[in-house]
Amino acid sequence: MDLSIYYQKIRDFAAAIPEPFPVIVSNETHDGGKKGILTEVTRDIAAKMVVEGLARLAEAAETEIFKLAQAEAQRLAEQAAQAAKVQLAVLSSDEISKLASITKPPTPVIKPSKG
């Protein structure tokens, strides 16, 4: 195997990839690699994996589905992180009464009119 040709193929393929982080789809390999796993990688890694036959570039529809799934997963993770931040405070009945009196609006005093 001529290494200069191998690395030139990788450089040429990397230059042809328009996105800085393309999505690739794995191919089944003899060492246990699973077919159809989508992954977002750098341009150079994508080129290397495609040249070696370990993966192919994802089609536009596959990329869109992958990005939507990633966005949803991020939204759920952020939501779970926010839920974990909920704080609880245990108050005694005296403290609750004190808070209630502070937040209760004053009752208006109505004076009878003379006349």
N, C-alpha and C. Protein backbone atom coordinates (compact mmCIF):
# COMPACT_ATOMS: atom_id res chain seq x y z
N MET A 1 0.85 -1.18 0.00
CA MET A 1 0.00 0.00 0.00
C MET A 1 0.89 1.24 0.00
N ASP A 2 0.62 2.12 -0.92
CA ASP A 2 1.38 3.36 -1.02
C ASP A 2 0.71 4.39 -0.11
N LEU A 3 1.38 4.76 0.96
CA LEU A 3 0.80 5.68 1.95
C LEU A 3 0.55 7.06 1.37
N SER A 4 1.37 7.51 0.45
CA SER A 4 1.15 8.84 -0.13
C SER A 4 -0.16 8.89 -0.90
N ILE A 5 -0.50 7.81 -1.61
CA ILE A 5 -1.78 7.75 -2.34
C ILE A 5 -2.94 7.69 -1.34
N TYR A 6 -2.79 6.89 -0.29
CA TYR A 6 -3.82 6.76 0.74
C TYR A 6 -4.14 8.12 1.36
N TYR A 7 -3.10 8.83 1.79
CA TYR A 7 -3.33 10.13 2.44
C TYR A 7 -3.81 11.18 1.44
N GLN A 8 -3.42 11.06 0.20
CA GLN A 8 -3.91 12.00 -0.82
C GLN A 8 -5.41 11.78 -1.04
N LYS A 9 -5.85 10.52 -1.05
CA LYS A 9 -7.29 10.23 -1.18
C LYS A 9 -8.07 10.87 -0.03
N ILE A 10 -7.52 10.74 1.18
CA ILE A 10 -8.19 11.33 2.35
C ILE A 10 -8.25 12.85 2.22
N ARG A 11 -7.15 13.49 1.83
CA ARG A 11 -7.15 14.95 1.67
C ARG A 11 -8.12 15.40 0.59
N ASP A 12 -8.15 14.68 -0.54
CA ASP A 12 -9.05 15.04 -1.64
C ASP A 12 -10.51 14.89 -1.21
N PHE A 13 -10.82 13.80 -0.51
CA PHE A 13 -12.19 13.59 -0.07
C PHE A 13 -12.59 14.63 0.96
N ALA A 14 -11.69 14.96 1.87
CA ALA A 14 -11.98 15.97 2.90
C ALA A 14 -12.23 17.32 2.25
N ALA A 15 -11.49 17.64 1.21
CA ALA A 15 -11.68 18.93 0.54
C ALA A 15 -13.03 19.00 -0.18
N ALA A 16 -13.58 17.85 -0.54
CA ALA A 16 -14.86 17.83 -1.25
C ALA A 16 -16.07 17.88 -0.32
N ILE A 17 -15.84 17.75 0.98
CA ILE A 17 -16.95 17.79 1.95
C ILE A 17 -17.22 19.25 2.31
N PRO A 18 -18.44 19.75 2.04
CA PRO A 18 -18.72 21.18 2.28
C PRO A 18 -18.88 21.55 3.75
N GLU A 19 -19.43 20.67 4.58
CA GLU A 19 -19.70 21.01 5.98
C GLU A 19 -18.46 20.79 6.83
N PRO A 20 -18.27 21.63 7.86
CA PRO A 20 -17.14 21.39 8.76
C PRO A 20 -17.35 20.16 9.65
N PHE A 21 -18.61 19.82 9.95
CA PHE A 21 -18.93 18.66 10.78
C PHE A 21 -20.02 17.83 10.08
N PRO A 22 -19.62 17.00 9.13
CA PRO A 22 -20.61 16.19 8.41
C PRO A 22 -21.11 15.03 9.26
N VAL A 23 -22.26 14.51 8.86
CA VAL A 23 -22.83 13.33 9.51
C VAL A 23 -22.47 12.13 8.64
N ILE A 24 -21.98 11.08 9.28
CA ILE A 24 -21.65 9.85 8.55
C ILE A 24 -22.53 8.72 9.04
N VAL A 25 -22.67 7.69 8.20
CA VAL A 25 -23.43 6.50 8.55
C VAL A 25 -22.46 5.32 8.51
N SER A 26 -22.39 4.59 9.60
CA SER A 26 -21.43 3.50 9.69
C SER A 26 -21.82 2.33 8.80
N ASN A 27 -20.81 1.60 8.35
CA ASN A 27 -20.99 0.36 7.62
C ASN A 27 -20.70 -0.79 8.58
N GLU A 28 -21.26 -1.95 8.28
CA GLU A 28 -20.96 -3.13 9.09
C GLU A 28 -19.51 -3.55 8.82
N THR A 29 -18.79 -3.87 9.88
CA THR A 29 -17.40 -4.28 9.72
C THR A 29 -17.20 -5.67 10.31
N HIS A 30 -16.12 -6.30 9.91
CA HIS A 30 -15.82 -7.65 10.37
C HIS A 30 -15.44 -7.69 11.85
N ASP A 31 -15.07 -6.55 12.42
CA ASP A 31 -14.67 -6.53 13.83
C ASP A 31 -15.79 -6.06 14.76
N GLY A 32 -17.02 -6.12 14.28
CA GLY A 32 -18.16 -5.83 15.15
C GLY A 32 -18.81 -4.48 14.95
N GLY A 33 -18.35 -3.70 13.99
CA GLY A 33 -18.97 -2.41 13.73
C GLY A 33 -20.40 -2.58 13.25
N LYS A 34 -21.30 -1.77 13.76
CA LYS A 34 -22.72 -1.89 13.42
C LYS A 34 -23.07 -1.00 12.24
N LYS A 35 -23.93 -1.48 11.40
CA LYS A 35 -24.36 -0.74 10.22
C LYS A 35 -25.47 0.24 10.60
N GLY A 36 -25.40 1.45 10.03
CA GLY A 36 -26.49 2.40 10.16
C GLY A 36 -26.43 3.35 11.34
N ILE A 37 -25.33 3.41 12.06
CA ILE A 37 -25.20 4.33 13.19
C ILE A 37 -24.77 5.69 12.65
N LEU A 38 -25.56 6.72 12.95
CA LEU A 38 -25.24 8.07 12.49
C LEU A 38 -24.41 8.79 13.54
N THR A 39 -23.38 9.50 13.06
CA THR A 39 -22.47 10.22 13.94
C THR A 39 -22.02 11.49 13.26
N GLU A 40 -21.92 12.56 14.03
CA GLU A 40 -21.38 13.82 13.51
C GLU A 40 -19.90 13.88 13.88
N VAL A 41 -19.05 14.05 12.87
CA VAL A 41 -17.61 14.04 13.08
C VAL A 41 -16.97 15.20 12.33
N THR A 42 -15.68 15.37 12.51
CA THR A 42 -14.97 16.40 11.76
C THR A 42 -14.81 15.96 10.31
N ARG A 43 -14.53 16.91 9.48
CA ARG A 43 -14.35 16.66 8.05
C ARG A 43 -13.24 15.63 7.81
N ASP A 44 -12.12 15.76 8.52
CA ASP A 44 -10.98 14.85 8.32
C ASP A 44 -11.32 13.42 8.75
N ILE A 45 -12.01 13.27 9.86
CA ILE A 45 -12.38 11.93 10.31
C ILE A 45 -13.38 11.31 9.35
N ALA A 46 -14.33 12.10 8.87
CA ALA A 46 -15.30 11.58 7.90
C ALA A 46 -14.58 11.09 6.65
N ALA A 47 -13.64 11.89 6.15
CA ALA A 47 -12.91 11.49 4.94
C ALA A 47 -12.13 10.21 5.18
N LYS A 48 -11.48 10.09 6.31
CA LYS A 48 -10.68 8.89 6.63
C LYS A 48 -11.58 7.66 6.69
N MET A 49 -12.73 7.78 7.35
CA MET A 49 -13.62 6.63 7.49
C MET A 49 -14.25 6.22 6.17
N VAL A 50 -14.57 7.19 5.32
CA VAL A 50 -15.14 6.87 4.01
C VAL A 50 -14.09 6.21 3.13
N VAL A 51 -12.89 6.74 3.12
CA VAL A 51 -11.82 6.16 2.30
C VAL A 51 -11.51 4.74 2.77
N GLU A 52 -11.56 4.49 4.05
CA GLU A 52 -11.29 3.14 4.58
C GLU A 52 -12.49 2.20 4.44
N GLY A 53 -13.64 2.73 4.01
CA GLY A 53 -14.82 1.90 3.83
C GLY A 53 -15.57 1.61 5.10
N LEU A 54 -15.28 2.34 6.16
CA LEU A 54 -15.95 2.13 7.44
C LEU A 54 -17.29 2.86 7.53
N ALA A 55 -17.48 3.86 6.68
CA ALA A 55 -18.70 4.66 6.74
C ALA A 55 -18.95 5.31 5.38
N ARG A 56 -20.10 5.95 5.28
CA ARG A 56 -20.44 6.76 4.10
C ARG A 56 -21.02 8.07 4.60
N LEU A 57 -21.00 9.07 3.74
CA LEU A 57 -21.62 10.34 4.12
C LEU A 57 -23.13 10.16 4.15
N ALA A 58 -23.77 10.75 5.13
CA ALA A 58 -25.23 10.67 5.25
C ALA A 58 -25.88 11.52 4.17
N GLU A 59 -27.03 11.08 3.73
CA GLU A 59 -27.81 11.86 2.77
C GLU A 59 -28.46 13.03 3.51
N ALA A 60 -28.97 13.99 2.77
CA ALA A 60 -29.55 15.19 3.38
C ALA A 60 -30.70 14.86 4.33
N ALA A 61 -31.56 13.93 3.95
CA ALA A 61 -32.69 13.56 4.80
C ALA A 61 -32.21 12.90 6.09
N GLU A 62 -31.21 12.03 5.98
CA GLU A 62 -30.66 11.38 7.16
C GLU A 62 -30.02 12.41 8.10
N THR A 63 -29.31 13.36 7.52
CA THR A 63 -28.67 14.42 8.31
C THR A 63 -29.72 15.25 9.04
N GLU A 64 -30.79 15.59 8.36
CA GLU A 64 -31.85 16.40 8.98
C GLU A 64 -32.50 15.66 10.14
N ILE A 65 -32.80 14.38 9.96
CA ILE A 65 -33.39 13.58 11.03
C ILE A 65 -32.43 13.48 12.21
N PHE A 66 -31.14 13.28 11.93
CA PHE A 66 -30.13 13.18 12.99
C PHE A 66 -30.05 14.48 13.78
N LYS A 67 -30.02 15.61 13.08
CA LYS A 67 -29.90 16.91 13.77
C LYS A 67 -31.15 17.21 14.60
N LEU A 68 -32.34 16.84 14.09
CA LEU A 68 -33.56 17.04 14.87
C LEU A 68 -33.54 16.17 16.14
N ALA A 69 -33.07 14.94 16.00
CA ALA A 69 -32.98 14.05 17.17
C ALA A 69 -31.98 14.59 18.18
N GLN A 70 -30.87 15.14 17.72
CA GLN A 70 -29.88 15.71 18.62
C GLN A 70 -30.44 16.93 19.35
N ALA A 71 -31.17 17.78 18.62
CA ALA A 71 -31.77 18.97 19.23
C ALA A 71 -32.79 18.57 20.30
N GLU A 72 -33.59 17.54 20.01
CA GLU A 72 -34.58 17.08 20.98
C GLU A 72 -33.90 16.49 22.21
N ALA A 73 -32.83 15.73 21.99
CA ALA A 73 -32.09 15.15 23.12
C ALA A 73 -31.48 16.25 23.98
N GLN A 74 -30.98 17.31 23.35
CA GLN A 74 -30.41 18.42 24.11
C GLN A 74 -31.50 19.14 24.90
N ARG A 75 -32.66 19.33 24.29
CA ARG A 75 -33.77 20.00 24.98
C ARG A 75 -34.20 19.19 26.21
N LEU A 76 -34.28 17.86 26.05
CA LEU A 76 -34.67 17.02 27.17
C LEU A 76 -33.61 17.03 28.28
N ALA A 77 -32.35 17.05 27.89
CA ALA A 77 -31.27 17.10 28.89
C ALA A 77 -31.30 18.41 29.66
N GLU A 78 -31.54 19.52 28.96
CA GLU A 78 -31.63 20.81 29.64
C GLU A 78 -32.83 20.87 30.56
N GLN A 79 -33.93 20.27 30.11
CA GLN A 79 -35.14 20.22 30.94
C GLN A 79 -34.89 19.40 32.20
N ALA A 80 -34.20 18.29 32.06
CA ALA A 80 -33.88 17.45 33.22
C ALA A 80 -32.93 18.19 34.17
N ALA A 81 -31.99 18.94 33.62
CA ALA A 81 -31.07 19.71 34.46
C ALA A 81 -31.82 20.79 35.22
N GLN A 82 -32.78 21.44 34.58
CA GLN A 82 -33.58 22.45 35.26
C GLN A 82 -34.43 21.82 36.36
N ALA A 83 -34.98 20.64 36.10
CA ALA A 83 -35.80 19.96 37.11
C ALA A 83 -34.95 19.56 38.31
N ALA A 84 -33.70 19.24 38.08
CA ALA A 84 -32.82 18.86 39.18
C ALA A 84 -32.45 20.06 40.05
N LYS A 85 -32.60 21.25 39.53
CA LYS A 85 -32.25 22.45 40.28
C LYS A 85 -33.35 22.91 41.23
N VAL A 86 -34.51 22.29 41.19
CA VAL A 86 -35.61 22.69 42.06
C VAL A 86 -35.17 22.53 43.50
N GLN A 87 -35.36 23.59 44.27
CA GLN A 87 -34.94 23.57 45.66
C GLN A 87 -36.16 23.56 46.57
N LEU A 88 -36.00 22.92 47.66
CA LEU A 88 -37.06 22.80 48.64
C LEU A 88 -36.62 23.46 49.92
N ALA A 89 -37.53 24.14 50.56
CA ALA A 89 -37.22 24.74 51.85
C ALA A 89 -38.29 24.30 52.84
N VAL A 90 -37.86 23.88 54.00
CA VAL A 90 -38.78 23.46 55.05
C VAL A 90 -38.94 24.64 56.00
N LEU A 91 -40.17 25.08 56.16
CA LEU A 91 -40.46 26.24 57.02
C LEU A 91 -41.33 25.80 58.19
N SER A 92 -41.08 26.43 59.31
CA SER A 92 -41.92 26.17 60.47
C SER A 92 -43.21 26.97 60.31
N SER A 93 -44.20 26.65 61.12
CA SER A 93 -45.47 27.37 61.02
C SER A 93 -45.31 28.84 61.40
N ASP A 94 -44.38 29.16 62.30
CA ASP A 94 -44.12 30.56 62.65
C ASP A 94 -43.56 31.32 61.44
N GLU A 95 -42.65 30.68 60.73
CA GLU A 95 -42.07 31.34 59.55
C GLU A 95 -43.11 31.53 58.46
N ILE A 96 -44.01 30.57 58.30
CA ILE A 96 -45.08 30.70 57.31
C ILE A 96 -46.01 31.84 57.69
N SER A 97 -46.35 31.96 58.96
CA SER A 97 -47.21 33.06 59.41
C SER A 97 -46.54 34.41 59.17
N LYS A 98 -45.24 34.47 59.45
CA LYS A 98 -44.51 35.71 59.25
C LYS A 98 -44.49 36.10 57.77
N LEU A 99 -44.25 35.12 56.91
CA LEU A 99 -44.26 35.39 55.46
C LEU A 99 -45.64 35.81 54.99
N ALA A 100 -46.68 35.18 55.53
CA ALA A 100 -48.04 35.51 55.12
C ALA A 100 -48.39 36.94 55.53
N SER A 101 -47.95 37.36 56.70
CA SER A 101 -48.26 38.72 57.14
C SER A 101 -47.48 39.76 56.32
N ILE A 102 -46.30 39.41 55.89
CA ILE A 102 -45.51 40.33 55.07
C ILE A 102 -46.12 40.49 53.68
N THR A 103 -46.59 39.40 53.11
CA THR A 103 -47.11 39.44 51.74
C THR A 103 -48.59 39.78 51.66
N LYS A 104 -49.29 39.77 52.79
CA LYS A 104 -50.72 40.08 52.78
C LYS A 104 -50.89 41.60 52.57
N PRO A 105 -51.72 42.00 51.61
CA PRO A 105 -51.93 43.43 51.41
C PRO A 105 -52.70 44.02 52.61
N PRO A 106 -52.39 45.25 52.95
CA PRO A 106 -53.10 45.85 54.10
C PRO A 106 -54.58 46.03 53.78
N THR A 107 -55.40 45.82 54.79
CA THR A 107 -56.84 46.01 54.59
C THR A 107 -57.15 47.50 54.64
N PRO A 108 -57.90 48.00 53.70
CA PRO A 108 -58.20 49.43 53.67
C PRO A 108 -59.15 49.80 54.81
N VAL A 109 -58.90 50.95 55.36
CA VAL A 109 -59.76 51.46 56.44
C VAL A 109 -60.77 52.39 55.81
N ILE A 110 -62.03 52.08 55.99
CA ILE A 110 -63.10 52.91 55.41
C ILE A 110 -63.72 53.71 56.55
N LYS A 111 -63.63 55.02 56.42
CA LYS A 111 -64.20 55.89 57.44
C LYS A 111 -65.60 56.30 57.00
N PRO A 112 -66.54 56.27 57.93
CA PRO A 112 -67.89 56.71 57.55
C PRO A 112 -67.90 58.21 57.29
N SER A 113 -68.59 58.58 56.28
CA SER A 113 -68.65 60.01 55.94
C SER A 113 -69.69 60.70 56.82
N LYS A 114 -69.37 61.94 57.21
CA LYS A 114 -70.29 62.71 58.03
C LYS A 114 -71.21 63.49 57.11
N GLY A 115 -72.40 63.46 57.32
CA GLY A 115 -73.25 64.26 56.49
C GLY A 115 -74.66 64.03 56.51
